[in-house]
Amino acid sequence: MNRKTKPLKINDTHVRDTPALQTVLDLTALFPSDLLPAMIDGSDALWLTCHAAEPVGFCFAEPEPMTEGTWNMRAIAVLPAHQNSGAGTALTHALETRLRALGARLLIADTSGLPEFAATRAFYRARGYAEQSRIRGFWAPGDDKVTLTKSLDLA
């Protein structure tokens, strides 16, 4: 069966998903996969996993301290073999839906300004996120932090 024909399911992330999600991190190099177990275990963040038979991606968000209804999507990653299959879109849509139900009004996503992150920035823009700020040299010299936001207010 073609990966694009398998139905995608978004569920809360469970500890049992950790090994598969560590593989996602190893193949995407988003951040070191050995950090994941401690991040998930006991976290108050909202973690979601995308399943297409097996876990193929995840995202998580946390409320921004000292704000009213603002959340920050700290990470989203999808196995390279499942990118462009709708998994990332399904994850962001599920996250936004869950956050709206929690009364969130604004979702932030930070990424790199490097050319190799152009597709990431385009992904967010295609889903209604707008660039709000750029901090020069934030991640490293020559690597800007680009902050995009999306209003979650129901119109």
C-alpha atoms as a PDB file:
ATOM      1  CA  MET A   1       0.000   0.000   0.000  1.00  0.00           C
ATOM      2  CA  ASN A   2       1.296   3.443  -0.892  1.00  0.00           C
ATOM      3  CA  ARG A   3       2.115   5.633   2.150  1.00  0.00           C
ATOM      4  CA  LYS A   4      -0.167   8.331   0.793  1.00  0.00           C
ATOM      5  CA  THR A   5      -3.166   5.978   0.830  1.00  0.00           C
ATOM      6  CA  LYS A   6      -2.757   4.970   4.496  1.00  0.00           C
ATOM      7  CA  PRO A   7      -5.088   6.979   6.677  1.00  0.00           C
ATOM      8  CA  LEU A   8      -3.289   9.361   8.992  1.00  0.00           C
ATOM      9  CA  LYS A   9      -4.364   9.390  12.614  1.00  0.00           C
ATOM     10  CA  ILE A  10      -3.379  12.028  15.135  1.00  0.00           C
ATOM     11  CA  ASN A  11      -3.309  10.981  18.771  1.00  0.00           C
ATOM     12  CA  ASP A  12      -1.876  12.203  22.026  1.00  0.00           C
ATOM     13  CA  THR A  13       1.763  11.141  22.274  1.00  0.00           C
ATOM     14  CA  HIS A  14       2.411   8.200  24.595  1.00  0.00           C
ATOM     15  CA  VAL A  15       5.662   7.009  26.111  1.00  0.00           C
ATOM     16  CA  ARG A  16       5.402   3.898  23.892  1.00  0.00           C
ATOM     17  CA  ASP A  17       5.759   6.214  20.851  1.00  0.00           C
ATOM     18  CA  THR A  18       9.181   7.416  22.027  1.00  0.00           C
ATOM     19  CA  PRO A  19      11.439   4.946  20.128  1.00  0.00           C
ATOM     20  CA  ALA A  20       9.672   5.631  16.807  1.00  0.00           C
ATOM     21  CA  LEU A  21       9.761   9.379  17.420  1.00  0.00           C
ATOM     22  CA  GLN A  22      13.459   9.184  18.247  1.00  0.00           C
ATOM     23  CA  THR A  23      13.903   7.691  14.770  1.00  0.00           C
ATOM     24  CA  VAL A  24      12.012  10.675  13.342  1.00  0.00           C
ATOM     25  CA  LEU A  25      14.449  12.956  15.139  1.00  0.00           C
ATOM     26  CA  ASP A  26      17.493  10.964  14.035  1.00  0.00           C
ATOM     27  CA  LEU A  27      16.387  11.193  10.396  1.00  0.00           C
ATOM     28  CA  THR A  28      15.389  14.872  10.498  1.00  0.00           C
ATOM     29  CA  ALA A  29      18.143  16.134  12.835  1.00  0.00           C
ATOM     30  CA  LEU A  30      15.673  18.566  14.425  1.00  0.00           C
ATOM     31  CA  PHE A  31      17.312  18.067  17.823  1.00  0.00           C
ATOM     32  CA  PRO A  32      19.193  15.209  19.514  1.00  0.00           C
ATOM     33  CA  SER A  33      16.842  12.246  19.962  1.00  0.00           C
ATOM     34  CA  ASP A  34      18.280  11.327  23.351  1.00  0.00           C
ATOM     35  CA  LEU A  35      16.561  14.444  24.751  1.00  0.00           C
ATOM     36  CA  LEU A  36      13.088  13.187  23.808  1.00  0.00           C
ATOM     37  CA  PRO A  37      12.275  10.788  26.682  1.00  0.00           C
ATOM     38  CA  ALA A  38      12.844  13.447  29.340  1.00  0.00           C
ATOM     39  CA  MET A  39      10.925  16.003  27.283  1.00  0.00           C
ATOM     40  CA  ILE A  40       7.833  13.771  27.002  1.00  0.00           C
ATOM     41  CA  ASP A  41       7.899  12.215  30.473  1.00  0.00           C
ATOM     42  CA  GLY A  42       5.909  14.335  32.862  1.00  0.00           C
ATOM     43  CA  SER A  43       5.593  17.215  30.424  1.00  0.00           C
ATOM     44  CA  ASP A  44       2.724  19.678  30.673  1.00  0.00           C
ATOM     45  CA  ALA A  45       3.107  20.437  26.970  1.00  0.00           C
ATOM     46  CA  LEU A  46       0.592  19.273  24.391  1.00  0.00           C
ATOM     47  CA  TRP A  47       2.252  16.444  22.411  1.00  0.00           C
ATOM     48  CA  LEU A  48       0.616  14.910  19.325  1.00  0.00           C
ATOM     49  CA  THR A  49       1.797  11.974  17.221  1.00  0.00           C
ATOM     50  CA  CYS A  50       0.855  11.250  13.606  1.00  0.00           C
ATOM     51  CA  HIS A  51       0.364   7.566  12.847  1.00  0.00           C
ATOM     52  CA  ALA A  52       0.293   5.946   9.407  1.00  0.00           C
ATOM     53  CA  ALA A  53       0.356   2.346  10.656  1.00  0.00           C
ATOM     54  CA  GLU A  54       3.357   3.406  12.790  1.00  0.00           C
ATOM     55  CA  PRO A  55       4.316   6.796  14.242  1.00  0.00           C
ATOM     56  CA  VAL A  56       5.668   8.979  11.416  1.00  0.00           C
ATOM     57  CA  GLY A  57       5.757  12.402  13.036  1.00  0.00           C
ATOM     58  CA  PHE A  58       4.995  14.552  16.032  1.00  0.00           C
ATOM     59  CA  CYS A  59       4.539  18.087  17.232  1.00  0.00           C
ATOM     60  CA  PHE A  60       4.356  19.722  20.602  1.00  0.00           C
ATOM     61  CA  ALA A  61       3.408  23.100  21.977  1.00  0.00           C
ATOM     62  CA  GLU A  62       3.566  24.844  25.327  1.00  0.00           C
ATOM     63  CA  PRO A  63       1.784  27.870  26.698  1.00  0.00           C
ATOM     64  CA  GLU A  64       3.908  31.010  26.674  1.00  0.00           C
ATOM     65  CA  PRO A  65       4.472  32.177  30.258  1.00  0.00           C
ATOM     66  CA  MET A  66       2.969  35.503  31.284  1.00  0.00           C
ATOM     67  CA  THR A  67       0.670  35.675  28.252  1.00  0.00           C
ATOM     68  CA  GLU A  68      -3.045  35.263  27.792  1.00  0.00           C
ATOM     69  CA  GLY A  69      -3.826  32.403  25.413  1.00  0.00           C
ATOM     70  CA  THR A  70      -0.517  32.345  23.541  1.00  0.00           C
ATOM     71  CA  TRP A  71       1.118  28.994  22.793  1.00  0.00           C
ATOM     72  CA  ASN A  72       4.438  28.181  21.145  1.00  0.00           C
ATOM     73  CA  MET A  73       4.808  25.207  18.792  1.00  0.00           C
ATOM     74  CA  ARG A  74       8.226  24.099  19.966  1.00  0.00           C
ATOM     75  CA  ALA A  75       8.743  21.379  17.371  1.00  0.00           C
ATOM     76  CA  ILE A  76       7.192  19.548  14.458  1.00  0.00           C
ATOM     77  CA  ALA A  77       8.932  16.715  12.619  1.00  0.00           C
ATOM     78  CA  VAL A  78       7.900  14.091  10.079  1.00  0.00           C
ATOM     79  CA  LEU A  79       9.895  11.151   8.758  1.00  0.00           C
ATOM     80  CA  PRO A  80      11.511  12.179   5.469  1.00  0.00           C
ATOM     81  CA  ALA A  81       9.728   9.317   3.661  1.00  0.00           C
ATOM     82  CA  HIS A  82       6.378  10.741   4.835  1.00  0.00           C
ATOM     83  CA  GLN A  83       7.040  14.408   4.171  1.00  0.00           C
ATOM     84  CA  ASN A  84       4.652  15.871   1.583  1.00  0.00           C
ATOM     85  CA  SER A  85       2.108  13.187   2.494  1.00  0.00           C
ATOM     86  CA  GLY A  86      -0.118  15.470   4.550  1.00  0.00           C
ATOM     87  CA  ALA A  87       1.304  14.386   7.920  1.00  0.00           C
ATOM     88  CA  GLY A  88       2.652  17.838   8.810  1.00  0.00           C
ATOM     89  CA  THR A  89      -0.588  19.497   7.780  1.00  0.00           C
ATOM     90  CA  ALA A  90      -2.601  16.977   9.793  1.00  0.00           C
ATOM     91  CA  LEU A  91      -0.419  17.603  12.846  1.00  0.00           C
ATOM     92  CA  THR A  92      -0.672  21.396  12.664  1.00  0.00           C
ATOM     93  CA  HIS A  93      -4.425  21.251  12.057  1.00  0.00           C
ATOM     94  CA  ALA A  94      -4.936  18.884  15.014  1.00  0.00           C
ATOM     95  CA  LEU A  95      -2.747  21.060  17.233  1.00  0.00           C
ATOM     96  CA  GLU A  96      -4.622  24.227  16.276  1.00  0.00           C
ATOM     97  CA  THR A  97      -7.985  22.506  16.877  1.00  0.00           C
ATOM     98  CA  ARG A  98      -6.914  21.264  20.305  1.00  0.00           C
ATOM     99  CA  LEU A  99      -5.526  24.652  21.271  1.00  0.00           C
ATOM    100  CA  ARG A 100      -8.723  26.427  20.224  1.00  0.00           C
ATOM    101  CA  ALA A 101     -10.654  24.029  22.474  1.00  0.00           C
ATOM    102  CA  LEU A 102      -8.329  25.056  25.317  1.00  0.00           C
ATOM    103  CA  GLY A 103      -9.071  28.733  24.672  1.00  0.00           C
ATOM    104  CA  ALA A 104      -5.800  29.588  22.958  1.00  0.00           C
ATOM    105  CA  ARG A 105      -5.852  32.650  20.722  1.00  0.00           C
ATOM    106  CA  LEU A 106      -2.359  32.780  19.190  1.00  0.00           C
ATOM    107  CA  LEU A 107       0.137  30.127  18.073  1.00  0.00           C
ATOM    108  CA  ILE A 108       3.825  30.930  17.563  1.00  0.00           C
ATOM    109  CA  ALA A 109       6.318  28.928  15.503  1.00  0.00           C
ATOM    110  CA  ASP A 110      10.023  29.739  15.528  1.00  0.00           C
ATOM    111  CA  THR A 111      12.387  28.529  12.825  1.00  0.00           C
ATOM    112  CA  SER A 112      15.696  29.316  11.200  1.00  0.00           C
ATOM    113  CA  GLY A 113      16.263  31.979   8.583  1.00  0.00           C
ATOM    114  CA  LEU A 114      18.879  29.858   6.791  1.00  0.00           C
ATOM    115  CA  PRO A 115      18.227  29.012   3.122  1.00  0.00           C
ATOM    116  CA  GLU A 116      17.893  25.306   3.953  1.00  0.00           C
ATOM    117  CA  PHE A 117      14.835  26.201   6.087  1.00  0.00           C
ATOM    118  CA  ALA A 118      13.020  27.946   3.220  1.00  0.00           C
ATOM    119  CA  ALA A 119      10.698  24.952   2.798  1.00  0.00           C
ATOM    120  CA  THR A 120       9.882  25.047   6.520  1.00  0.00           C
ATOM    121  CA  ARG A 121       8.974  28.729   6.328  1.00  0.00           C
ATOM    122  CA  ALA A 122       6.901  28.063   3.199  1.00  0.00           C
ATOM    123  CA  PHE A 123       5.114  25.222   5.017  1.00  0.00           C
ATOM    124  CA  TYR A 124       4.008  27.579   7.770  1.00  0.00           C
ATOM    125  CA  ARG A 125       3.011  30.371   5.372  1.00  0.00           C
ATOM    126  CA  ALA A 126       0.901  27.947   3.315  1.00  0.00           C
ATOM    127  CA  ARG A 127      -1.011  27.134   6.507  1.00  0.00           C
ATOM    128  CA  GLY A 128      -1.806  30.732   7.369  1.00  0.00           C
ATOM    129  CA  TYR A 129       1.191  31.691   9.506  1.00  0.00           C
ATOM    130  CA  ALA A 130       2.725  35.123   8.981  1.00  0.00           C
ATOM    131  CA  GLU A 131       6.275  36.208   9.731  1.00  0.00           C
ATOM    132  CA  GLN A 132       6.229  38.638  12.643  1.00  0.00           C
ATOM    133  CA  SER A 133       9.875  39.033  13.532  1.00  0.00           C
ATOM    134  CA  ARG A 134      13.446  38.140  12.685  1.00  0.00           C
ATOM    135  CA  ILE A 135      16.264  38.242  15.220  1.00  0.00           C
ATOM    136  CA  ARG A 136      19.593  38.370  13.428  1.00  0.00           C
ATOM    137  CA  GLY A 137      22.173  35.804  14.542  1.00  0.00           C
ATOM    138  CA  PHE A 138      19.904  34.301  17.207  1.00  0.00           C
ATOM    139  CA  TRP A 139      20.626  30.572  16.731  1.00  0.00           C
ATOM    140  CA  ALA A 140      24.243  31.119  15.705  1.00  0.00           C
ATOM    141  CA  PRO A 141      26.221  33.758  13.798  1.00  0.00           C
ATOM    142  CA  GLY A 142      24.433  34.173  10.462  1.00  0.00           C
ATOM    143  CA  ASP A 143      21.437  32.059  11.558  1.00  0.00           C
ATOM    144  CA  ASP A 144      18.402  34.242  12.234  1.00  0.00           C
ATOM    145  CA  LYS A 145      15.415  33.288  14.350  1.00  0.00           C
ATOM    146  CA  VAL A 146      12.234  33.748  12.306  1.00  0.00           C
ATOM    147  CA  THR A 147       9.020  33.919  14.314  1.00  0.00           C
ATOM    148  CA  LEU A 148       5.742  33.198  12.565  1.00  0.00           C
ATOM    149  CA  THR A 149       2.296  33.427  14.161  1.00  0.00           C
ATOM    150  CA  LYS A 150      -1.243  32.343  13.473  1.00  0.00           C
ATOM    151  CA  SER A 151      -4.370  33.699  15.100  1.00  0.00           C
ATOM    152  CA  LEU A 152      -6.530  30.926  16.533  1.00  0.00           C
ATOM    153  CA  ASP A 153      -9.507  33.187  17.244  1.00  0.00           C
ATOM    154  CA  LEU A 154     -12.625  31.797  15.694  1.00  0.00           C
ATOM    155  CA  ALA A 155     -14.072  34.263  13.247  1.00  0.00           C
END
